[in-house]
Amino acid sequence: MELAIRIHVEELPEGLFLATSDELPGLVAQGRTVAEASEP
């Protein structure tokens, strides 16, 4: 099953990217690139 949700990606001072979502509380993902932070 796939679910499409909106995510917010921001760049952290350390150069990493943080992805969160208001639609899915508790979702927190981090990556070296935007793509890596937003991959399932």
N, C-alpha and C. Protein backbone atom coordinates (compact mmCIF):
# COMPACT_ATOMS: atom_id res chain seq x y z
N MET A 1 0.84 -1.18 0.00
CA MET A 1 0.00 0.00 0.00
C MET A 1 0.88 1.24 0.00
N GLU A 2 0.54 2.19 -0.83
CA GLU A 2 1.27 3.45 -0.87
C GLU A 2 0.37 4.56 -0.37
N LEU A 3 0.99 5.52 0.29
CA LEU A 3 0.26 6.66 0.82
C LEU A 3 1.02 7.92 0.43
N ALA A 4 0.35 8.86 -0.19
CA ALA A 4 0.98 10.12 -0.58
C ALA A 4 0.71 11.15 0.52
N ILE A 5 1.78 11.70 1.06
CA ILE A 5 1.65 12.74 2.09
C ILE A 5 2.57 13.89 1.74
N ARG A 6 2.24 15.05 2.25
CA ARG A 6 3.10 16.22 2.07
C ARG A 6 4.19 16.19 3.13
N ILE A 7 5.40 16.48 2.69
CA ILE A 7 6.51 16.55 3.64
C ILE A 7 7.18 17.92 3.52
N HIS A 8 7.79 18.31 4.60
CA HIS A 8 8.53 19.57 4.65
C HIS A 8 10.00 19.18 4.85
N VAL A 9 10.86 19.66 3.96
CA VAL A 9 12.29 19.36 4.06
C VAL A 9 13.03 20.65 4.31
N GLU A 10 13.87 20.64 5.34
CA GLU A 10 14.68 21.82 5.65
C GLU A 10 16.14 21.43 5.79
N GLU A 11 17.01 22.35 5.43
CA GLU A 11 18.44 22.10 5.56
C GLU A 11 18.89 22.52 6.95
N LEU A 12 19.59 21.63 7.61
CA LEU A 12 20.11 21.89 8.95
C LEU A 12 21.47 22.58 8.85
N PRO A 13 21.88 23.29 9.89
CA PRO A 13 23.18 23.97 9.87
C PRO A 13 24.36 23.02 9.60
N GLU A 14 24.21 21.75 9.96
CA GLU A 14 25.27 20.76 9.76
C GLU A 14 25.40 20.33 8.31
N GLY A 15 24.48 20.81 7.44
CA GLY A 15 24.51 20.43 6.03
C GLY A 15 23.63 19.24 5.71
N LEU A 16 22.96 18.68 6.70
CA LEU A 16 22.03 17.57 6.49
C LEU A 16 20.64 18.12 6.22
N PHE A 17 19.74 17.25 5.74
CA PHE A 17 18.37 17.65 5.46
C PHE A 17 17.43 16.87 6.37
N LEU A 18 16.41 17.55 6.89
CA LEU A 18 15.45 16.96 7.81
C LEU A 18 14.07 17.02 7.16
N ALA A 19 13.39 15.88 7.10
CA ALA A 19 12.05 15.80 6.53
C ALA A 19 11.05 15.49 7.64
N THR A 20 9.96 16.26 7.69
CA THR A 20 8.88 16.05 8.64
C THR A 20 7.56 16.22 7.91
N SER A 21 6.46 15.84 8.57
CA SER A 21 5.15 15.98 7.95
C SER A 21 4.10 16.29 9.02
N ASP A 22 3.27 17.30 8.75
CA ASP A 22 2.15 17.60 9.63
C ASP A 22 1.05 16.55 9.46
N GLU A 23 1.02 15.90 8.31
CA GLU A 23 0.00 14.90 8.02
C GLU A 23 0.27 13.55 8.69
N LEU A 24 1.51 13.32 9.08
CA LEU A 24 1.87 12.06 9.72
C LEU A 24 2.74 12.38 10.94
N PRO A 25 2.10 12.70 12.06
CA PRO A 25 2.85 13.06 13.27
C PRO A 25 3.86 11.96 13.64
N GLY A 26 5.03 12.39 14.01
CA GLY A 26 6.07 11.44 14.39
C GLY A 26 7.02 11.09 13.26
N LEU A 27 6.69 11.49 12.03
CA LEU A 27 7.58 11.23 10.91
C LEU A 27 8.77 12.17 10.97
N VAL A 28 9.95 11.62 11.08
CA VAL A 28 11.18 12.39 11.06
C VAL A 28 12.21 11.57 10.29
N ALA A 29 12.73 12.15 9.23
CA ALA A 29 13.75 11.47 8.43
C ALA A 29 14.88 12.44 8.16
N GLN A 30 16.08 11.93 8.09
CA GLN A 30 17.27 12.76 7.88
C GLN A 30 18.12 12.14 6.79
N GLY A 31 18.77 12.99 6.00
CA GLY A 31 19.64 12.49 4.95
C GLY A 31 20.68 13.51 4.53
N ARG A 32 21.63 13.05 3.73
CA ARG A 32 22.68 13.95 3.23
C ARG A 32 22.20 14.80 2.07
N THR A 33 21.09 14.36 1.40
CA THR A 33 20.50 15.10 0.29
C THR A 33 18.99 15.16 0.52
N VAL A 34 18.31 16.05 -0.23
CA VAL A 34 16.85 16.13 -0.15
C VAL A 34 16.24 14.78 -0.54
N ALA A 35 16.74 14.19 -1.61
CA ALA A 35 16.22 12.90 -2.08
C ALA A 35 16.40 11.82 -1.01
N GLU A 36 17.53 11.79 -0.37
CA GLU A 36 17.78 10.77 0.66
C GLU A 36 16.86 10.97 1.85
N ALA A 37 16.61 12.20 2.23
CA ALA A 37 15.74 12.48 3.38
C ALA A 37 14.28 12.16 3.07
N SER A 38 13.89 12.21 1.81
CA SER A 38 12.49 12.00 1.46
C SER A 38 12.20 10.62 0.87
N GLU A 39 13.19 9.76 0.79
CA GLU A 39 12.96 8.39 0.29
C GLU A 39 12.16 7.58 1.31
N PRO A 40 11.32 6.69 0.81
CA PRO A 40 10.55 5.83 1.75
C PRO A 40 11.44 4.82 2.44
